[in-house]
Amino acid sequence: MPTPPLPVNRADFDQVIVPTFAPAAFVPVRGEGSRVWDQSGRELIDLTGGIAVNVLGHAHPALVAALTEQAGQLWHISNVFTNEPALRLARKLVEATFAERAFFCNSGAEANEAAFKLARRFGHETGGAQKHEIVAALNSFHGRTLFTVTVGGQPKYSDGFGPKIEGIRHVPYNDLEALKAAVSDRTCAVVLEPIQGESGILPADQSYLEGARELCDAHSALLIFDEVQTGVGRTGDLFAYMHTGVIPDILTTAKSLGGGFPIGAMLTTERIARHFGVGTHGTTFGGNPLACAVAGAVIDIVNTPEVLDGVRQRHQWFRERLERIGERYGIFSLIRGRGLLIGCVLSDAWKGRAKDVFDAAEREALMVLQAGPDVVRLAPSLVIERADIDEGLDRLERAIATLVGA
């Protein structure tokens, strides 16, 4: 007989888990679509999408089927060998984007680590040892490895771990003149998020991205777009770069790519990819058959007019209702973002209280996110049903009404 599962609850987290997180007081145990149930059986509406990960909601039948089928065939084979799901996924991504080559890993941080290493290798081999500088935006977020937190430009994440990686320069986001002053012939790459996620859902100006592209071309530097959060349909295009017309040299993605199964990818061109020869970079689990089978099913569903057009329509539903809520209660000064990556910017009177909104929403059986202390972030399933949107925003309004009346 199978051993019954060990009973656990939220208190166990504080006893056995390294305290790098402070999770909510309840423990989700089951999900279906955009609904989640906790240990007590309470049903919650999920507008978080696992932080822009559960692109097709919870337990989507096509993803369950892809994982189940692959689990009965091949789990892991290592990169001493290749595998069919990885090859199929790479083909799908190459055919759908500017890219000609794909590198698979397990997370957004790993995808960015690979991108930054490739950029430095490219710079070294094309411009010499001095061509190693990376220019990034202040308050960006590119992962939690030592390299990626250093590039990220947020001291709260990078300080206190000893000497930082050198050769990283930071400039204000959306400030083209500052970018021009920072980029030189020593620059190997400029890395930008088309929409800054963790720092408040800040979209890049079209002219800023175009200017970054021109600067990189002028200085023989690579333009890297971090689409870990914006990629795979999140903005209403398969990738956010597509609606801008600005094509990067390297693109990183993760989060939504696996629909909840861990996977990341770095996409680039043949000209750049050849600077990563055999043995220059690697990963044990990257390109795992299970992850790639699920991700292949995600791409098949998301990269369709039905789903991408639906993301744009859902954005309008959310925006119209959130603006009404903001006006009625004086809590939001701006609703910004694109597609289903939405930031509700708190008004001056509510600055610093995003956590209060998070807590009040949870009491109304609603899951939302923060993007810093001043922005409530929503990143739901791309196929969330209208009824769940309406009910979720009803619950959000009740939560806000409670706060305002307190």
Protein backbone atom coordinates (compact mmCIF):
# COMPACT_ATOMS: atom_id res chain seq x y z
CA MET A 1 0.00 0.00 0.00
CA PRO A 2 1.27 3.53 -0.75
CA THR A 3 2.35 5.57 2.24
CA PRO A 4 -0.27 8.22 3.07
CA PRO A 5 0.97 11.80 2.61
CA LEU A 6 2.49 13.45 5.64
CA PRO A 7 0.06 16.02 7.07
CA VAL A 8 1.49 19.54 6.76
CA ASN A 9 0.22 23.10 7.11
CA ARG A 10 1.43 26.69 6.78
CA ALA A 11 3.20 26.55 10.15
CA ASP A 12 5.56 23.91 8.76
CA PHE A 13 6.99 26.49 6.36
CA ASP A 14 8.46 28.43 9.25
CA GLN A 15 10.03 25.26 10.62
CA VAL A 16 11.56 23.56 7.59
CA ILE A 17 11.93 26.04 4.70
CA VAL A 18 14.79 28.54 4.31
CA PRO A 19 13.11 31.90 5.04
CA THR A 20 13.65 33.58 1.67
CA PHE A 21 9.89 33.91 1.18
CA ALA A 22 6.96 35.01 3.32
CA PRO A 23 4.03 33.11 1.78
CA ALA A 24 0.38 33.85 2.44
CA ALA A 25 -1.34 32.27 5.41
CA PHE A 26 -3.27 29.68 3.38
CA VAL A 27 -1.94 26.68 1.45
CA PRO A 28 -3.38 26.04 -2.03
CA VAL A 29 -3.87 22.34 -2.75
CA ARG A 30 -5.80 22.19 -6.03
CA GLY A 31 -6.44 24.37 -9.04
CA GLU A 32 -8.66 24.26 -12.10
CA GLY A 33 -8.76 27.04 -14.66
CA SER A 34 -8.62 30.31 -12.73
CA ARG A 35 -9.92 28.84 -9.46
CA VAL A 36 -7.83 27.52 -6.57
CA TRP A 37 -8.86 25.62 -3.45
CA ASP A 38 -6.94 25.73 -0.16
CA GLN A 39 -6.60 23.15 2.61
CA SER A 40 -9.87 24.21 4.19
CA GLY A 41 -11.76 23.81 0.92
CA ARG A 42 -12.11 27.56 0.37
CA GLU A 43 -12.35 28.52 -3.31
CA LEU A 44 -10.30 31.50 -4.48
CA ILE A 45 -10.10 33.27 -7.83
CA ASP A 46 -6.53 33.46 -9.13
CA LEU A 47 -5.53 36.68 -10.89
CA THR A 48 -1.82 36.01 -10.30
CA GLY A 49 -1.19 33.23 -12.80
CA GLY A 50 1.63 31.98 -10.58
CA ILE A 51 3.33 35.36 -11.26
CA ALA A 52 2.67 35.33 -15.01
CA VAL A 53 3.43 31.60 -15.29
CA ASN A 54 0.15 29.67 -15.49
CA VAL A 55 -0.56 30.98 -18.95
CA LEU A 56 -3.42 28.53 -19.50
CA GLY A 57 -4.60 28.40 -15.91
CA HIS A 58 -4.42 25.41 -13.61
CA ALA A 59 -4.58 21.81 -14.82
CA HIS A 60 -5.29 22.66 -18.46
CA PRO A 61 -6.30 19.36 -20.13
CA ALA A 62 -3.86 19.74 -23.04
CA LEU A 63 -0.92 20.32 -20.71
CA VAL A 64 -1.93 17.47 -18.42
CA ALA A 65 -2.14 15.20 -21.46
CA ALA A 66 1.24 16.31 -22.83
CA LEU A 67 2.95 15.77 -19.48
CA THR A 68 1.24 12.44 -18.85
CA GLU A 69 2.08 11.08 -22.29
CA GLN A 70 5.73 12.15 -22.03
CA ALA A 71 6.01 10.81 -18.47
CA GLY A 72 5.21 7.36 -19.82
CA GLN A 73 7.96 7.59 -22.42
CA LEU A 74 11.10 9.44 -21.30
CA TRP A 75 11.79 11.71 -18.32
CA HIS A 76 15.46 12.60 -18.52
CA ILE A 77 18.30 11.66 -20.83
CA SER A 78 20.88 14.48 -20.24
CA ASN A 79 22.50 16.67 -22.85
CA VAL A 80 24.87 13.90 -23.83
CA PHE A 81 21.89 13.05 -26.05
CA THR A 82 19.14 15.15 -27.58
CA ASN A 83 15.43 14.35 -27.46
CA GLU A 84 12.38 14.76 -29.65
CA PRO A 85 10.35 17.19 -27.48
CA ALA A 86 13.31 19.59 -27.28
CA LEU A 87 13.83 19.49 -31.03
CA ARG A 88 10.13 20.05 -31.70
CA LEU A 89 9.97 22.97 -29.27
CA ALA A 90 13.07 24.58 -30.74
CA ARG A 91 11.56 24.30 -34.23
CA LYS A 92 8.33 25.94 -33.08
CA LEU A 93 10.13 28.84 -31.43
CA VAL A 94 12.50 29.42 -34.34
CA GLU A 95 9.68 29.35 -36.86
CA ALA A 96 7.60 31.80 -34.81
CA THR A 97 10.31 34.40 -34.03
CA PHE A 98 13.37 36.21 -35.36
CA ALA A 99 15.57 33.51 -33.87
CA GLU A 100 17.49 30.76 -35.58
CA ARG A 101 18.80 28.96 -32.50
CA ALA A 102 17.39 28.07 -29.08
CA PHE A 103 19.08 27.17 -25.79
CA PHE A 104 16.90 25.54 -23.13
CA CYS A 105 17.36 25.82 -19.39
CA ASN A 106 15.12 25.77 -16.31
CA SER A 107 14.27 29.36 -15.36
CA GLY A 108 14.37 32.98 -16.37
CA ALA A 109 17.49 33.58 -14.32
CA GLU A 110 19.27 30.77 -16.16
CA ALA A 111 18.10 32.10 -19.51
CA ASN A 112 19.49 35.53 -18.65
CA GLU A 113 22.70 34.05 -17.27
CA ALA A 114 23.19 32.32 -20.61
CA ALA A 115 22.37 35.51 -22.51
CA PHE A 116 24.82 37.64 -20.53
CA LYS A 117 27.58 35.06 -20.84
CA LEU A 118 26.96 34.74 -24.57
CA ALA A 119 27.06 38.53 -24.96
CA ARG A 120 30.39 38.72 -23.19
CA ARG A 121 31.80 35.84 -25.20
CA PHE A 122 30.56 37.52 -28.39
CA GLY A 123 32.15 40.82 -27.35
CA HIS A 124 35.44 39.17 -26.44
CA GLU A 125 35.71 37.30 -29.71
CA THR A 126 34.62 40.20 -31.94
CA GLY A 127 36.06 43.22 -30.13
CA GLY A 128 38.66 42.00 -27.68
CA ALA A 129 38.81 41.77 -23.91
CA GLN A 130 37.79 45.40 -23.42
CA LYS A 131 34.40 44.82 -25.09
CA HIS A 132 32.70 43.39 -22.03
CA GLU A 133 30.46 46.09 -20.55
CA ILE A 134 26.74 45.45 -20.14
CA VAL A 135 24.37 48.40 -19.92
CA ALA A 136 21.09 47.79 -18.10
CA ALA A 137 18.22 49.79 -16.62
CA LEU A 138 17.91 50.85 -13.03
CA ASN A 139 15.22 48.93 -11.13
CA SER A 140 15.17 46.15 -13.69
CA PHE A 141 14.89 42.52 -12.69
CA HIS A 142 16.73 39.73 -14.46
CA GLY A 143 16.98 36.91 -11.92
CA ARG A 144 18.63 35.90 -8.67
CA THR A 145 22.05 34.55 -9.65
CA LEU A 146 24.99 36.77 -8.72
CA PHE A 147 25.41 37.84 -12.35
CA THR A 148 21.73 38.53 -12.95
CA VAL A 149 21.11 40.46 -9.72
CA THR A 150 24.14 42.59 -10.52
CA VAL A 151 22.74 43.38 -13.96
CA GLY A 152 19.32 43.99 -12.40
CA GLY A 153 20.28 47.29 -10.82
CA GLN A 154 18.39 46.89 -7.54
CA PRO A 155 20.78 47.07 -4.56
CA LYS A 156 18.21 45.43 -2.27
CA TYR A 157 18.75 42.23 -4.24
CA SER A 158 22.48 42.52 -5.01
CA ASP A 159 24.07 44.04 -1.90
CA GLY A 160 25.56 41.91 0.85
CA PHE A 161 26.97 39.07 -1.25
CA GLY A 162 30.55 40.24 -1.52
CA PRO A 163 32.24 41.83 -4.54
CA LYS A 164 29.93 42.31 -7.50
CA ILE A 165 30.61 41.36 -11.07
CA GLU A 166 32.31 44.29 -12.75
CA GLY A 167 31.58 45.94 -16.06
CA ILE A 168 27.86 46.58 -15.45
CA ARG A 169 26.47 50.08 -16.00
CA HIS A 170 22.97 51.22 -15.05
CA VAL A 171 20.89 54.04 -16.48
CA PRO A 172 17.31 55.22 -15.86
CA TYR A 173 14.67 53.28 -17.78
CA ASN A 174 13.07 55.08 -20.72
CA ASP A 175 15.83 57.73 -20.72
CA LEU A 176 17.36 57.56 -24.17
CA GLU A 177 19.86 60.34 -23.55
CA ALA A 178 21.21 58.51 -20.51
CA LEU A 179 21.48 55.35 -22.57
CA LYS A 180 23.39 57.20 -25.30
CA ALA A 181 25.84 58.49 -22.70
CA ALA A 182 26.45 55.01 -21.31
CA VAL A 183 26.88 52.95 -24.48
CA SER A 184 30.33 52.92 -26.05
CA ASP A 185 32.59 50.68 -28.10
CA ARG A 186 33.31 48.85 -24.82
CA THR A 187 29.67 47.81 -24.61
CA CYS A 188 28.96 44.19 -25.52
CA ALA A 189 25.23 44.34 -24.78
CA VAL A 190 22.28 46.48 -23.74
CA VAL A 191 19.65 44.52 -21.82
CA LEU A 192 16.10 45.77 -21.39
CA GLU A 193 12.68 44.53 -20.37
CA PRO A 194 10.08 45.72 -22.93
CA ILE A 195 7.87 46.19 -19.88
CA GLN A 196 9.58 46.43 -16.51
CA GLY A 197 7.73 43.89 -14.41
CA GLU A 198 8.88 43.75 -10.80
CA SER A 199 9.36 47.52 -10.68
CA GLY A 200 5.78 48.43 -11.40
CA ILE A 201 4.64 47.28 -14.88
CA LEU A 202 6.37 50.12 -16.74
CA PRO A 203 6.18 49.85 -20.56
CA ALA A 204 9.14 51.07 -22.60
CA ASP A 205 8.54 53.97 -24.98
CA GLN A 206 8.65 53.03 -28.64
CA SER A 207 11.32 55.66 -29.30
CA TYR A 208 13.41 54.30 -26.43
CA LEU A 209 13.50 50.79 -27.85
CA GLU A 210 14.20 52.08 -31.35
CA GLY A 211 17.00 54.23 -29.98
CA ALA A 212 18.48 51.27 -28.11
CA ARG A 213 18.49 49.26 -31.32
CA GLU A 214 20.27 52.06 -33.21
CA LEU A 215 22.86 52.47 -30.45
CA CYS A 216 23.64 48.76 -30.42
CA ASP A 217 24.04 48.72 -34.18
CA ALA A 218 26.32 51.78 -34.09
CA HIS A 219 28.59 50.26 -31.43
CA SER A 220 28.49 46.60 -32.55
CA ALA A 221 26.75 45.65 -29.32
CA LEU A 222 23.96 43.13 -28.83
CA LEU A 223 20.43 44.13 -27.85
CA ILE A 224 18.98 41.68 -25.32
CA PHE A 225 15.28 41.70 -24.52
CA ASP A 226 14.34 40.04 -21.25
CA GLU A 227 10.88 38.65 -22.01
CA VAL A 228 10.76 36.30 -19.06
CA GLN A 229 7.56 37.99 -17.89
CA THR A 230 6.23 39.49 -21.13
CA GLY A 231 6.74 36.47 -23.38
CA VAL A 232 4.47 33.72 -24.65
CA GLY A 233 1.31 35.69 -25.26
CA ARG A 234 1.28 37.74 -22.09
CA THR A 235 1.05 41.09 -23.93
CA GLY A 236 -1.27 39.97 -26.71
CA ASP A 237 1.56 39.06 -29.08
CA LEU A 238 3.61 35.90 -28.83
CA PHE A 239 6.48 38.12 -27.64
CA ALA A 240 6.33 41.80 -26.74
CA TYR A 241 9.02 42.77 -29.25
CA MET A 242 6.60 41.88 -32.04
CA HIS A 243 4.26 44.81 -31.48
CA THR A 244 7.20 47.23 -31.37
CA GLY A 245 8.91 46.13 -34.56
CA VAL A 246 12.23 46.34 -32.70
CA ILE A 247 14.05 43.05 -33.12
CA PRO A 248 16.59 42.03 -30.48
CA ASP A 249 19.72 39.96 -31.01
CA ILE A 250 18.97 37.77 -28.01
CA LEU A 251 15.63 37.13 -26.31
CA THR A 252 15.14 35.35 -23.01
CA THR A 253 11.91 33.80 -21.84
CA ALA A 254 10.61 31.44 -19.15
CA LYS A 255 7.57 31.77 -16.85
CA SER A 256 4.65 31.29 -19.28
CA LEU A 257 6.68 29.07 -21.61
CA GLY A 258 6.05 25.99 -19.50
CA GLY A 259 2.56 26.94 -18.35
CA GLY A 260 3.64 26.05 -14.81
CA PHE A 261 6.31 23.47 -15.58
CA PRO A 262 9.84 24.87 -15.05
CA ILE A 263 11.58 25.78 -18.31
CA GLY A 264 13.49 28.74 -19.72
CA ALA A 265 14.86 29.55 -23.14
CA MET A 266 17.36 31.84 -24.78
CA LEU A 267 16.69 32.61 -28.43
CA THR A 268 19.22 34.13 -30.80
CA THR A 269 20.59 34.11 -34.34
CA GLU A 270 23.04 31.72 -35.95
CA ARG A 271 25.68 34.49 -36.21
CA ILE A 272 25.63 35.02 -32.45
CA ALA A 273 24.97 31.43 -31.35
CA ARG A 274 28.17 30.17 -32.93
CA HIS A 275 30.16 32.01 -30.23
CA PHE A 276 28.89 29.40 -27.78
CA GLY A 277 30.85 26.35 -28.85
CA VAL A 278 30.71 22.88 -27.33
CA GLY A 279 31.50 23.08 -23.62
CA THR A 280 31.31 26.86 -23.24
CA HIS A 281 27.98 26.71 -21.43
CA GLY A 282 25.66 23.97 -20.26
CA THR A 283 22.91 22.65 -18.02
CA THR A 284 21.98 19.24 -16.65
CA PHE A 285 18.21 19.56 -16.86
CA GLY A 286 17.82 22.13 -19.64
CA GLY A 287 15.85 20.73 -22.56
CA ASN A 288 14.32 18.08 -20.33
CA PRO A 289 11.78 16.00 -22.32
CA LEU A 290 9.00 16.58 -19.78
CA ALA A 291 9.40 20.35 -19.77
CA CYS A 292 9.75 20.59 -23.53
CA ALA A 293 6.69 18.43 -24.17
CA VAL A 294 4.57 20.70 -21.98
CA ALA A 295 6.06 23.86 -23.47
CA GLY A 296 5.39 22.59 -26.96
CA ALA A 297 1.72 22.18 -26.08
CA VAL A 298 1.69 25.71 -24.60
CA ILE A 299 3.06 27.22 -27.82
CA ASP A 300 0.56 25.28 -29.94
CA ILE A 301 -2.34 26.78 -27.98
CA VAL A 302 -1.07 30.29 -27.25
CA ASN A 303 0.34 31.09 -30.68
CA THR A 304 -3.08 31.25 -32.32
CA PRO A 305 -5.22 34.24 -33.31
CA GLU A 306 -7.99 33.04 -31.02
CA VAL A 307 -5.87 33.20 -27.87
CA LEU A 308 -3.80 36.29 -28.74
CA ASP A 309 -6.87 38.27 -29.82
CA GLY A 310 -8.56 37.09 -26.64
CA VAL A 311 -5.73 38.51 -24.53
CA ARG A 312 -6.27 41.95 -26.06
CA GLN A 313 -10.02 41.73 -25.46
CA ARG A 314 -9.54 40.66 -21.86
CA HIS A 315 -7.18 43.58 -21.33
CA GLN A 316 -10.02 45.94 -22.21
CA TRP A 317 -12.41 44.17 -19.83
CA PHE A 318 -9.92 44.49 -17.00
CA ARG A 319 -8.93 48.07 -17.79
CA GLU A 320 -12.49 49.41 -18.00
CA ARG A 321 -13.53 47.87 -14.70
CA LEU A 322 -10.30 48.74 -12.87
CA GLU A 323 -10.53 52.35 -13.98
CA ARG A 324 -14.07 52.54 -12.62
CA ILE A 325 -12.93 51.03 -9.32
CA GLY A 326 -10.03 53.48 -9.17
CA GLU A 327 -12.27 56.46 -9.79
CA ARG A 328 -14.95 55.36 -7.34
CA TYR A 329 -12.61 54.78 -4.41
CA GLY A 330 -9.74 57.11 -5.30
CA ILE A 331 -7.27 54.27 -4.94
CA PHE A 332 -5.72 53.96 -8.42
CA SER A 333 -4.16 56.88 -10.29
CA LEU A 334 -3.35 54.87 -13.43
CA ILE A 335 -3.94 51.46 -14.98
CA ARG A 336 -0.97 50.54 -17.14
CA GLY A 337 0.57 47.57 -18.90
CA ARG A 338 -0.29 45.56 -21.96
CA GLY A 339 -2.37 42.46 -22.50
CA LEU A 340 -2.72 40.51 -19.27
CA LEU A 341 0.24 42.09 -17.52
CA ILE A 342 -1.55 44.89 -15.72
CA GLY A 343 -0.34 47.36 -13.10
CA CYS A 344 -2.78 49.29 -10.94
CA VAL A 345 -0.78 52.29 -9.73
CA LEU A 346 -1.85 53.43 -6.28
CA SER A 347 -2.84 57.07 -5.87
CA ASP A 348 -0.77 59.37 -3.66
CA ALA A 349 -3.01 58.75 -0.68
CA TRP A 350 -2.43 55.01 -0.99
CA LYS A 351 1.29 54.97 -1.80
CA GLY A 352 3.14 52.13 -0.12
CA ARG A 353 -0.03 50.14 0.60
CA ALA A 354 -0.01 47.49 -2.12
CA LYS A 355 0.46 44.84 0.58
CA ASP A 356 -2.70 46.07 2.29
CA VAL A 357 -4.62 45.52 -0.95
CA PHE A 358 -3.03 42.07 -1.30
CA ASP A 359 -4.13 41.12 2.23
CA ALA A 360 -7.64 42.54 1.84
CA ALA A 361 -8.08 40.68 -1.45
CA GLU A 362 -7.07 37.41 0.19
CA ARG A 363 -9.74 37.94 2.83
CA GLU A 364 -12.25 38.18 -0.05
CA ALA A 365 -10.92 34.90 -1.55
CA LEU A 366 -8.98 36.63 -4.33
CA MET A 367 -5.33 36.19 -5.29
CA VAL A 368 -3.50 39.28 -6.60
CA LEU A 369 0.14 40.41 -6.73
CA GLN A 370 2.31 43.39 -5.95
CA ALA A 371 4.90 45.03 -8.20
CA GLY A 372 6.69 47.01 -5.55
CA PRO A 373 4.89 48.82 -2.72
CA ASP A 374 2.92 51.16 -4.97
CA VAL A 375 1.46 48.90 -7.66
CA VAL A 376 -1.09 46.08 -7.54
CA ARG A 377 -0.21 43.63 -10.30
CA LEU A 378 -2.54 41.28 -12.16
CA ALA A 379 -1.19 38.54 -14.42
CA PRO A 380 -3.99 35.98 -14.83
CA SER A 381 -4.40 33.08 -17.22
CA LEU A 382 -4.57 34.21 -20.83
CA VAL A 383 -7.78 32.21 -21.25
CA ILE A 384 -9.49 33.28 -18.03
CA GLU A 385 -13.25 33.21 -18.51
CA ARG A 386 -15.29 36.41 -18.42
CA ALA A 387 -17.25 35.14 -15.43
CA ASP A 388 -14.03 34.72 -13.44
CA ILE A 389 -12.86 38.21 -14.43
CA ASP A 390 -16.15 39.73 -13.31
CA GLU A 391 -16.31 37.79 -10.05
CA GLY A 392 -12.62 38.42 -9.34
CA LEU A 393 -13.01 42.16 -9.81
CA ASP A 394 -16.19 42.11 -7.70
CA ARG A 395 -14.09 40.61 -4.93
CA LEU A 396 -11.34 43.17 -5.49
CA GLU A 397 -13.88 45.99 -5.24
CA ARG A 398 -15.27 44.56 -2.01
CA ALA A 399 -11.72 44.34 -0.63
CA ILE A 400 -11.02 47.94 -1.57
CA ALA A 401 -14.33 49.13 -0.17
CA THR A 402 -13.39 47.51 3.12
CA LEU A 403 -10.01 49.25 3.14
CA VAL A 404 -11.47 52.61 2.26
CA GLY A 405 -14.09 52.28 4.97
CA ALA A 406 -11.58 51.17 7.59
